[in-house]
């Protein structure tokens, strides 16, 4: 049991240290630029069918006060589907 404490404490410290930048405060007149993107691909069971979807988005924001922000964003979705089939031979 005592061997578990050290990794547990180190893990907790890592989580707290990585979350520390989230405590930053926005102030009046601050500007914000956000860019985001994701891609997801799903493969069929026979490995001949795939479906890929993705999004790219970006936005700009301006803080009028510490708690009030005007934010605008744009998103560009995309998708692709590939399907191929092999028919069984009917020759006898």
PDB file of N, CA and C in Angstrom:
ATOM      1  N   UNK A   1       0.809  -1.192   0.000  1.00  0.00           N
ATOM      2  CA  UNK A   1       0.000   0.000   0.000  1.00  0.00           C
ATOM      3  C   UNK A   1       0.857   1.262   0.000  1.00  0.00           C
ATOM      4  N   UNK A   2       1.967   1.238   0.725  1.00  0.00           N
ATOM      5  CA  UNK A   2       2.825   2.425   0.796  1.00  0.00           C
ATOM      6  C   UNK A   2       3.487   2.717  -0.549  1.00  0.00           C
ATOM      7  N   UNK A   3       3.618   1.726  -1.400  1.00  0.00           N
ATOM      8  CA  UNK A   3       4.207   1.941  -2.725  1.00  0.00           C
ATOM      9  C   UNK A   3       3.264   2.716  -3.634  1.00  0.00           C
ATOM     10  N   UNK A   4       1.995   2.742  -3.330  1.00  0.00           N
ATOM     11  CA  UNK A   4       0.998   3.426  -4.151  1.00  0.00           C
ATOM     12  C   UNK A   4       0.971   4.933  -3.909  1.00  0.00           C
ATOM     13  N   UNK A   5       1.375   5.381  -2.730  1.00  0.00           N
ATOM     14  CA  UNK A   5       1.275   6.793  -2.375  1.00  0.00           C
ATOM     15  C   UNK A   5       2.140   7.698  -3.236  1.00  0.00           C
ATOM     16  N   UNK A   6       3.356   7.280  -3.516  1.00  0.00           N
ATOM     17  CA  UNK A   6       4.260   8.149  -4.286  1.00  0.00           C
ATOM     18  C   UNK A   6       3.722   8.418  -5.701  1.00  0.00           C
ATOM     19  N   UNK A   7       3.345   7.406  -6.486  1.00  0.00           N
ATOM     20  CA  UNK A   7       2.779   7.717  -7.804  1.00  0.00           C
ATOM     21  C   UNK A   7       1.474   8.504  -7.727  1.00  0.00           C
ATOM     22  N   UNK A   8       0.670   8.246  -6.694  1.00  0.00           N
ATOM     23  CA  UNK A   8      -0.587   8.970  -6.533  1.00  0.00           C
ATOM     24  C   UNK A   8      -0.340  10.455  -6.262  1.00  0.00           C
ATOM     25  N   UNK A   9       0.596  10.764  -5.379  1.00  0.00           N
ATOM     26  CA  UNK A   9       0.924  12.155  -5.071  1.00  0.00           C
ATOM     27  C   UNK A   9       1.536  12.839  -6.290  1.00  0.00           C
ATOM     28  N   UNK A  10       2.423  12.171  -6.993  1.00  0.00           N
ATOM     29  CA  UNK A  10       3.027  12.756  -8.192  1.00  0.00           C
ATOM     30  C   UNK A  10       1.973  13.011  -9.268  1.00  0.00           C
ATOM     31  N   UNK A  11       1.031  12.085  -9.407  1.00  0.00           N
ATOM     32  CA  UNK A  11      -0.042  12.271 -10.380  1.00  0.00           C
ATOM     33  C   UNK A  11      -0.916  13.465 -10.037  1.00  0.00           C
ATOM     34  N   UNK A  12      -1.243  13.623  -8.764  1.00  0.00           N
ATOM     35  CA  UNK A  12      -2.047  14.775  -8.322  1.00  0.00           C
ATOM     36  C   UNK A  12      -1.303  16.084  -8.563  1.00  0.00           C
ATOM     37  N   UNK A  13      -0.024  16.115  -8.272  1.00  0.00           N
ATOM     38  CA  UNK A  13       0.765  17.325  -8.513  1.00  0.00           C
ATOM     39  C   UNK A  13       0.832  17.660 -10.000  1.00  0.00           C
ATOM     40  N   UNK A  14       0.920  16.654 -10.835  1.00  0.00           N
ATOM     41  CA  UNK A  14       0.954  16.876 -12.280  1.00  0.00           C
ATOM     42  C   UNK A  14      -0.364  17.485 -12.757  1.00  0.00           C
ATOM     43  N   UNK A  15      -1.475  16.984 -12.255  1.00  0.00           N
ATOM     44  CA  UNK A  15      -2.779  17.527 -12.635  1.00  0.00           C
ATOM     45  C   UNK A  15      -2.921  18.971 -12.178  1.00  0.00           C
ATOM     46  N   UNK A  16      -2.532  19.261 -10.954  1.00  0.00           N
ATOM     47  CA  UNK A  16      -2.637  20.621 -10.435  1.00  0.00           C
ATOM     48  C   UNK A  16      -1.711  21.563 -11.207  1.00  0.00           C
ATOM     49  N   UNK A  17      -0.504  21.112 -11.504  1.00  0.00           N
ATOM     50  CA  UNK A  17       0.446  21.963 -12.228  1.00  0.00           C
ATOM     51  C   UNK A  17      -0.014  22.245 -13.654  1.00  0.00           C
ATOM     52  N   UNK A  18      -0.632  21.264 -14.298  1.00  0.00           N
ATOM     53  CA  UNK A  18      -1.072  21.484 -15.674  1.00  0.00           C
ATOM     54  C   UNK A  18      -2.331  22.341 -15.727  1.00  0.00           C
ATOM     55  N   UNK A  19      -3.114  22.367 -14.659  1.00  0.00           N
ATOM     56  CA  UNK A  19      -4.325  23.182 -14.625  1.00  0.00           C
ATOM     57  C   UNK A  19      -4.058  24.615 -14.171  1.00  0.00           C
ATOM     58  N   UNK A  20      -2.881  24.899 -13.667  1.00  0.00           N
ATOM     59  CA  UNK A  20      -2.576  26.231 -13.143  1.00  0.00           C
ATOM     60  C   UNK A  20      -2.765  27.348 -14.163  1.00  0.00           C
ATOM     61  N   UNK A  21      -2.390  27.197 -15.446  1.00  0.00           N
ATOM     62  CA  UNK A  21      -2.620  28.289 -16.388  1.00  0.00           C
ATOM     63  C   UNK A  21      -4.093  28.645 -16.569  1.00  0.00           C
ATOM     64  N   UNK A  22      -5.006  27.750 -16.216  1.00  0.00           N
ATOM     65  CA  UNK A  22      -6.433  28.035 -16.354  1.00  0.00           C
ATOM     66  C   UNK A  22      -6.904  29.078 -15.342  1.00  0.00           C
ATOM     67  N   UNK A  23      -6.108  29.403 -14.359  1.00  0.00           N
ATOM     68  CA  UNK A  23      -6.484  30.395 -13.368  1.00  0.00           C
ATOM     69  C   UNK A  23      -6.218  31.826 -13.835  1.00  0.00           C
ATOM     70  N   UNK A  24      -5.662  32.003 -15.028  1.00  0.00           N
ATOM     71  CA  UNK A  24      -5.394  33.342 -15.540  1.00  0.00           C
ATOM     72  C   UNK A  24      -6.716  34.079 -15.735  1.00  0.00           C
ATOM     73  N   UNK A  25      -6.718  35.372 -15.495  1.00  0.00           N
ATOM     74  CA  UNK A  25      -7.932  36.174 -15.593  1.00  0.00           C
ATOM     75  C   UNK A  25      -7.874  37.090 -16.803  1.00  0.00           C
ATOM     76  N   UNK A  26      -8.987  37.163 -17.511  1.00  0.00           N
ATOM     77  CA  UNK A  26      -9.106  38.107 -18.611  1.00  0.00           C
ATOM     78  C   UNK A  26      -9.437  39.484 -18.041  1.00  0.00           C
ATOM     79  N   UNK A  27      -8.955  40.501 -18.697  1.00  0.00           N
ATOM     80  CA  UNK A  27      -9.211  41.871 -18.254  1.00  0.00           C
ATOM     81  C   UNK A  27      -9.879  42.652 -19.371  1.00  0.00           C
ATOM     82  N   UNK A  28     -10.419  43.795 -19.027  1.00  0.00           N
ATOM     83  CA  UNK A  28     -11.063  44.656 -20.010  1.00  0.00           C
ATOM     84  C   UNK A  28     -10.078  45.005 -21.117  1.00  0.00           C
ATOM     85  N   UNK A  29     -10.515  44.848 -22.371  1.00  0.00           N
ATOM     86  CA  UNK A  29      -9.668  45.158 -23.519  1.00  0.00           C
ATOM     87  C   UNK A  29      -8.865  43.984 -24.043  1.00  0.00           C
ATOM     88  N   UNK A  30      -8.851  42.854 -23.340  1.00  0.00           N
ATOM     89  CA  UNK A  30      -8.135  41.669 -23.832  1.00  0.00           C
ATOM     90  C   UNK A  30      -8.818  41.114 -25.075  1.00  0.00           C
ATOM     91  N   UNK A  31      -8.012  40.541 -25.939  1.00  0.00           N
ATOM     92  CA  UNK A  31      -8.519  39.913 -27.156  1.00  0.00           C
ATOM     93  C   UNK A  31      -8.187  38.431 -27.118  1.00  0.00           C
ATOM     94  N   UNK A  32      -9.006  37.637 -27.809  1.00  0.00           N
ATOM     95  CA  UNK A  32      -8.826  36.189 -27.805  1.00  0.00           C
ATOM     96  C   UNK A  32      -8.942  35.670 -29.233  1.00  0.00           C
ATOM     97  N   UNK A  33      -8.020  34.774 -29.598  1.00  0.00           N
ATOM     98  CA  UNK A  33      -8.057  34.099 -30.893  1.00  0.00           C
ATOM     99  C   UNK A  33      -8.051  32.606 -30.621  1.00  0.00           C
ATOM    100  N   UNK A  34      -9.031  31.894 -31.170  1.00  0.00           N
ATOM    101  CA  UNK A  34      -9.117  30.453 -30.983  1.00  0.00           C
ATOM    102  C   UNK A  34      -9.086  29.747 -32.331  1.00  0.00           C
ATOM    103  N   UNK A  35      -8.293  28.700 -32.412  1.00  0.00           N
ATOM    104  CA  UNK A  35      -8.256  27.824 -33.586  1.00  0.00           C
ATOM    105  C   UNK A  35      -8.435  26.401 -33.104  1.00  0.00           C
ATOM    106  N   UNK A  36      -9.251  25.620 -33.809  1.00  0.00           N
ATOM    107  CA  UNK A  36      -9.528  24.262 -33.394  1.00  0.00           C
ATOM    108  C   UNK A  36      -9.730  23.393 -34.625  1.00  0.00           C
ATOM    109  N   UNK A  37      -9.333  22.143 -34.533  1.00  0.00           N
ATOM    110  CA  UNK A  37      -9.559  21.207 -35.621  1.00  0.00           C
ATOM    111  C   UNK A  37      -9.601  19.785 -35.109  1.00  0.00           C
ATOM    112  N   UNK A  38     -10.381  18.955 -35.792  1.00  0.00           N
ATOM    113  CA  UNK A  38     -10.429  17.542 -35.428  1.00  0.00           C
ATOM    114  C   UNK A  38     -10.741  16.700 -36.657  1.00  0.00           C
ATOM    115  N   UNK A  39     -10.278  15.468 -36.623  1.00  0.00           N
ATOM    116  CA  UNK A  39     -10.539  14.501 -37.689  1.00  0.00           C
ATOM    117  C   UNK A  39     -10.882  13.175 -37.037  1.00  0.00           C
ATOM    118  N   UNK A  40     -11.951  12.539 -37.521  1.00  0.00           N
ATOM    119  CA  UNK A  40     -12.364  11.235 -37.015  1.00  0.00           C
ATOM    120  C   UNK A  40     -12.542  10.295 -38.193  1.00  0.00           C
ATOM    121  N   UNK A  41     -11.959   9.114 -38.114  1.00  0.00           N
ATOM    122  CA  UNK A  41     -12.088   8.109 -39.165  1.00  0.00           C
ATOM    123  C   UNK A  41     -12.636   6.826 -38.572  1.00  0.00           C
ATOM    124  N   UNK A  42     -13.639   6.275 -39.227  1.00  0.00           N
ATOM    125  CA  UNK A  42     -14.219   4.997 -38.814  1.00  0.00           C
ATOM    126  C   UNK A  42     -13.995   3.984 -39.931  1.00  0.00           C
ATOM    127  N   UNK A  43     -13.521   2.802 -39.574  1.00  0.00           N
ATOM    128  CA  UNK A  43     -13.254   1.746 -40.544  1.00  0.00           C
ATOM    129  C   UNK A  43     -14.317   0.672 -40.426  1.00  0.00           C
ATOM    130  N   UNK A  44     -14.757   0.154 -41.564  1.00  0.00           N
ATOM    131  CA  UNK A  44     -15.737  -0.930 -41.564  1.00  0.00           C
ATOM    132  C   UNK A  44     -15.097  -2.238 -41.140  1.00  0.00           C
ATOM    133  N   UNK A  45     -15.935  -3.212 -40.818  1.00  0.00           N
ATOM    134  CA  UNK A  45     -15.449  -4.504 -40.347  1.00  0.00           C
ATOM    135  C   UNK A  45     -14.649  -5.262 -41.383  1.00  0.00           C
ATOM    136  N   UNK A  46     -14.925  -5.032 -42.671  1.00  0.00           N
ATOM    137  CA  UNK A  46     -14.203  -5.754 -43.715  1.00  0.00           C
ATOM    138  C   UNK A  46     -13.047  -4.936 -44.290  1.00  0.00           C
ATOM    139  N   UNK A  47     -12.738  -3.834 -43.690  1.00  0.00           N
ATOM    140  CA  UNK A  47     -11.636  -2.926 -44.059  1.00  0.00           C
ATOM    141  C   UNK A  47     -11.755  -2.372 -45.472  1.00  0.00           C
ATOM    142  N   UNK A  48     -12.933  -2.418 -46.082  1.00  0.00           N
ATOM    143  CA  UNK A  48     -13.120  -1.798 -47.391  1.00  0.00           C
ATOM    144  C   UNK A  48     -13.981  -0.549 -47.304  1.00  0.00           C
ATOM    145  N   UNK A  49     -14.537  -0.272 -46.155  1.00  0.00           N
ATOM    146  CA  UNK A  49     -15.398   0.891 -45.970  1.00  0.00           C
ATOM    147  C   UNK A  49     -14.782   1.814 -44.922  1.00  0.00           C
ATOM    148  N   UNK A  50     -14.625   3.067 -45.274  1.00  0.00           N
ATOM    149  CA  UNK A  50     -14.147   4.057 -44.311  1.00  0.00           C
ATOM    150  C   UNK A  50     -15.011   5.313 -44.412  1.00  0.00           C
ATOM    151  N   UNK A  51     -15.157   5.977 -43.321  1.00  0.00           N
ATOM    152  CA  UNK A  51     -15.854   7.266 -43.277  1.00  0.00           C
ATOM    153  C   UNK A  51     -14.998   8.217 -42.453  1.00  0.00           C
ATOM    154  N   UNK A  52     -14.679   9.358 -43.022  1.00  0.00           N
ATOM    155  CA  UNK A  52     -13.844  10.352 -42.351  1.00  0.00           C
ATOM    156  C   UNK A  52     -14.609  11.662 -42.262  1.00  0.00           C
ATOM    157  N   UNK A  53     -14.647  12.233 -41.089  1.00  0.00           N
ATOM    158  CA  UNK A  53     -15.263  13.541 -40.900  1.00  0.00           C
ATOM    159  C   UNK A  53     -14.288  14.437 -40.159  1.00  0.00           C
ATOM    160  N   UNK A  54     -14.438  15.716 -40.352  1.00  0.00           N
ATOM    161  CA  UNK A  54     -13.559  16.650 -39.668  1.00  0.00           C
ATOM    162  C   UNK A  54     -14.149  18.036 -39.620  1.00  0.00           C
ATOM    163  N   UNK A  55     -13.619  18.838 -38.750  1.00  0.00           N
ATOM    164  CA  UNK A  55     -14.031  20.221 -38.583  1.00  0.00           C
ATOM    165  C   UNK A  55     -12.800  21.088 -38.385  1.00  0.00           C
ATOM    166  N   UNK A  56     -12.852  22.265 -38.941  1.00  0.00           N
ATOM    167  CA  UNK A  56     -11.858  23.290 -38.658  1.00  0.00           C
ATOM    168  C   UNK A  56     -12.650  24.520 -38.245  1.00  0.00           C
ATOM    169  N   UNK A  57     -12.322  25.099 -37.118  1.00  0.00           N
ATOM    170  CA  UNK A  57     -13.044  26.284 -36.671  1.00  0.00           C
ATOM    171  C   UNK A  57     -12.077  27.306 -36.099  1.00  0.00           C
ATOM    172  N   UNK A  58     -12.495  28.523 -36.123  1.00  0.00           N
ATOM    173  CA  UNK A  58     -11.691  29.613 -35.581  1.00  0.00           C
ATOM    174  C   UNK A  58     -12.600  30.714 -35.104  1.00  0.00           C
ATOM    175  N   UNK A  59     -12.108  31.513 -34.182  1.00  0.00           N
ATOM    176  CA  UNK A  59     -12.933  32.588 -33.653  1.00  0.00           C
ATOM    177  C   UNK A  59     -12.111  33.716 -33.074  1.00  0.00           C
ATOM    178  N   UNK A  60     -12.756  34.861 -32.955  1.00  0.00           N
ATOM    179  CA  UNK A  60     -12.143  36.053 -32.370  1.00  0.00           C
ATOM    180  C   UNK A  60     -13.046  36.565 -31.265  1.00  0.00           C
ATOM    181  N   UNK A  61     -12.452  37.026 -30.178  1.00  0.00           N
ATOM    182  CA  UNK A  61     -13.233  37.554 -29.076  1.00  0.00           C
ATOM    183  C   UNK A  61     -12.617  38.817 -28.506  1.00  0.00           C
ATOM    184  N   UNK A  62     -13.456  39.626 -27.883  1.00  0.00           N
ATOM    185  CA  UNK A  62     -13.011  40.861 -27.240  1.00  0.00           C
ATOM    186  C   UNK A  62     -13.717  40.976 -25.900  1.00  0.00           C
ATOM    187  N   UNK A  63     -12.961  41.240 -24.844  1.00  0.00           N
ATOM    188  CA  UNK A  63     -13.518  41.375 -23.499  1.00  0.00           C
ATOM    189  C   UNK A  63     -13.845  42.832 -23.221  1.00  0.00           C
ATOM    190  N   UNK A  64     -15.142  43.123 -23.009  1.00  0.00           N
ATOM    191  CA  UNK A  64     -15.563  44.463 -22.621  1.00  0.00           C
ATOM    192  C   UNK A  64     -15.328  44.687 -21.139  1.00  0.00           C
ATOM    193  N   UNK A  65     -15.535  43.646 -20.355  1.00  0.00           N
ATOM    194  CA  UNK A  65     -15.208  43.655 -18.931  1.00  0.00           C
ATOM    195  C   UNK A  65     -14.564  42.301 -18.636  1.00  0.00           C
ATOM    196  N   UNK A  66     -14.233  42.067 -17.382  1.00  0.00           N
ATOM    197  CA  UNK A  66     -13.617  40.797 -17.010  1.00  0.00           C
ATOM    198  C   UNK A  66     -14.568  39.626 -17.243  1.00  0.00           C
ATOM    199  N   UNK A  67     -15.872  39.873 -17.151  1.00  0.00           N
ATOM    200  CA  UNK A  67     -16.850  38.787 -17.261  1.00  0.00           C
ATOM    201  C   UNK A  67     -17.645  38.800 -18.566  1.00  0.00           C
ATOM    202  N   UNK A  68     -17.569  39.868 -19.365  1.00  0.00           N
ATOM    203  CA  UNK A  68     -18.378  39.973 -20.580  1.00  0.00           C
ATOM    204  C   UNK A  68     -17.471  39.989 -21.802  1.00  0.00           C
ATOM    205  N   UNK A  69     -17.682  38.996 -22.671  1.00  0.00           N
ATOM    206  CA  UNK A  69     -16.897  38.868 -23.895  1.00  0.00           C
ATOM    207  C   UNK A  69     -17.842  38.748 -25.075  1.00  0.00           C
ATOM    208  N   UNK A  70     -17.505  39.420 -26.162  1.00  0.00           N
ATOM    209  CA  UNK A  70     -18.205  39.228 -27.431  1.00  0.00           C
ATOM    210  C   UNK A  70     -17.311  38.332 -28.262  1.00  0.00           C
ATOM    211  N   UNK A  71     -17.883  37.220 -28.746  1.00  0.00           N
ATOM    212  CA  UNK A  71     -17.086  36.221 -29.455  1.00  0.00           C
ATOM    213  C   UNK A  71     -17.806  35.806 -30.729  1.00  0.00           C
ATOM    214  N   UNK A  72     -17.071  35.711 -31.808  1.00  0.00           N
ATOM    215  CA  UNK A  72     -17.622  35.226 -33.071  1.00  0.00           C
ATOM    216  C   UNK A  72     -16.765  34.093 -33.593  1.00  0.00           C
ATOM    217  N   UNK A  73     -17.414  33.084 -34.185  1.00  0.00           N
ATOM    218  CA  UNK A  73     -16.679  31.910 -34.651  1.00  0.00           C
ATOM    219  C   UNK A  73     -17.215  31.454 -35.996  1.00  0.00           C
ATOM    220  N   UNK A  74     -16.381  30.746 -36.716  1.00  0.00           N
ATOM    221  CA  UNK A  74     -16.750  30.165 -37.996  1.00  0.00           C
ATOM    222  C   UNK A  74     -16.286  28.713 -38.009  1.00  0.00           C
ATOM    223  N   UNK A  75     -17.086  27.833 -38.621  1.00  0.00           N
ATOM    224  CA  UNK A  75     -16.744  26.414 -38.661  1.00  0.00           C
ATOM    225  C   UNK A  75     -16.863  25.921 -40.091  1.00  0.00           C
ATOM    226  N   UNK A  76     -15.902  25.104 -40.520  1.00  0.00           N
ATOM    227  CA  UNK A  76     -15.929  24.500 -41.844  1.00  0.00           C
ATOM    228  C   UNK A  76     -15.900  22.979 -41.689  1.00  0.00           C
ATOM    229  N   UNK A  77     -17.063  22.309 -41.796  1.00  0.00           N
ATOM    230  CA  UNK A  77     -17.078  20.849 -41.679  1.00  0.00           C
ATOM    231  C   UNK A  77     -16.710  20.193 -43.005  1.00  0.00           C
ATOM    232  N   UNK A  78     -16.252  18.967 -42.935  1.00  0.00           N
ATOM    233  CA  UNK A  78     -15.943  18.196 -44.129  1.00  0.00           C
ATOM    234  C   UNK A  78     -16.136  16.725 -43.861  1.00  0.00           C
ATOM    235  N   UNK A  79     -16.411  15.960 -44.923  1.00  0.00           N
ATOM    236  CA  UNK A  79     -16.571  14.522 -44.742  1.00  0.00           C
ATOM    237  C   UNK A  79     -16.223  13.786 -46.029  1.00  0.00           C
ATOM    238  N   UNK A  80     -15.886  12.523 -45.862  1.00  0.00           N
ATOM    239  CA  UNK A  80     -15.532  11.664 -46.987  1.00  0.00           C
ATOM    240  C   UNK A  80     -15.934  10.236 -46.646  1.00  0.00           C
ATOM    241  N   UNK A  81     -16.515   9.530 -47.624  1.00  0.00           N
ATOM    242  CA  UNK A  81     -16.893   8.132 -47.418  1.00  0.00           C
ATOM    243  C   UNK A  81     -16.373   7.314 -48.587  1.00  0.00           C
ATOM    244  N   UNK A  82     -15.730   6.217 -48.286  1.00  0.00           N
ATOM    245  CA  UNK A  82     -15.227   5.303 -49.311  1.00  0.00           C
ATOM    246  C   UNK A  82     -15.827   3.935 -49.064  1.00  0.00           C
ATOM    247  N   UNK A  83     -16.405   3.352 -50.099  1.00  0.00           N
ATOM    248  CA  UNK A  83     -17.006   2.030 -49.949  1.00  0.00           C
ATOM    249  C   UNK A  83     -16.678   1.223 -51.193  1.00  0.00           C
ATOM    250  N   UNK A  84     -16.128   0.067 -51.017  1.00  0.00           N
ATOM    251  CA  UNK A  84     -15.889  -0.827 -52.139  1.00  0.00           C
ATOM    252  C   UNK A  84     -16.397  -2.204 -51.764  1.00  0.00           C
ATOM    253  N   UNK A  85     -16.832  -2.943 -52.750  1.00  0.00           N
ATOM    254  CA  UNK A  85     -17.418  -4.262 -52.478  1.00  0.00           C
ATOM    255  C   UNK A  85     -16.816  -5.297 -53.423  1.00  0.00           C
ATOM    256  N   UNK A  86     -16.724  -6.499 -52.950  1.00  0.00           N
ATOM    257  CA  UNK A  86     -16.285  -7.632 -53.759  1.00  0.00           C
ATOM    258  C   UNK A  86     -17.450  -8.607 -53.826  1.00  0.00           C
ATOM    259  N   UNK A  87     -17.940  -8.827 -55.014  1.00  0.00           N
ATOM    260  CA  UNK A  87     -19.070  -9.727 -55.198  1.00  0.00           C
ATOM    261  C   UNK A  87     -18.559 -11.155 -55.298  1.00  0.00           C
ATOM    262  N   UNK A  88     -19.275 -12.100 -54.759  1.00  0.00           N
ATOM    263  CA  UNK A  88     -18.841 -13.497 -54.876  1.00  0.00           C
ATOM    264  C   UNK A  88     -18.950 -13.974 -56.317  1.00  0.00           C
ATOM    265  N   UNK A  89     -18.056 -14.857 -56.665  1.00  0.00           N
ATOM    266  CA  UNK A  89     -18.050 -15.410 -58.014  1.00  0.00           C
ATOM    267  C   UNK A  89     -19.233 -16.337 -58.205  1.00  0.00           C
ATOM    268  N   UNK A  90     -19.894 -16.218 -59.373  1.00  0.00           N
ATOM    269  CA  UNK A  90     -21.051 -17.070 -59.655  1.00  0.00           C
ATOM    270  C   UNK A  90     -20.710 -18.177 -60.652  1.00  0.00           C
ATOM    271  N   UNK A  91     -19.435 -18.335 -61.013  1.00  0.00           N
ATOM    272  CA  UNK A  91     -19.077 -19.366 -61.988  1.00  0.00           C
ATOM    273  C   UNK A  91     -19.151 -20.742 -61.322  1.00  0.00           C
ATOM    274  N   UNK A  92     -19.551 -21.737 -62.109  1.00  0.00           N
ATOM    275  CA  UNK A  92     -19.647 -23.104 -61.591  1.00  0.00           C
ATOM    276  C   UNK A  92     -18.718 -24.034 -62.300  1.00  0.00           C
TER     277      UNK A  92
END
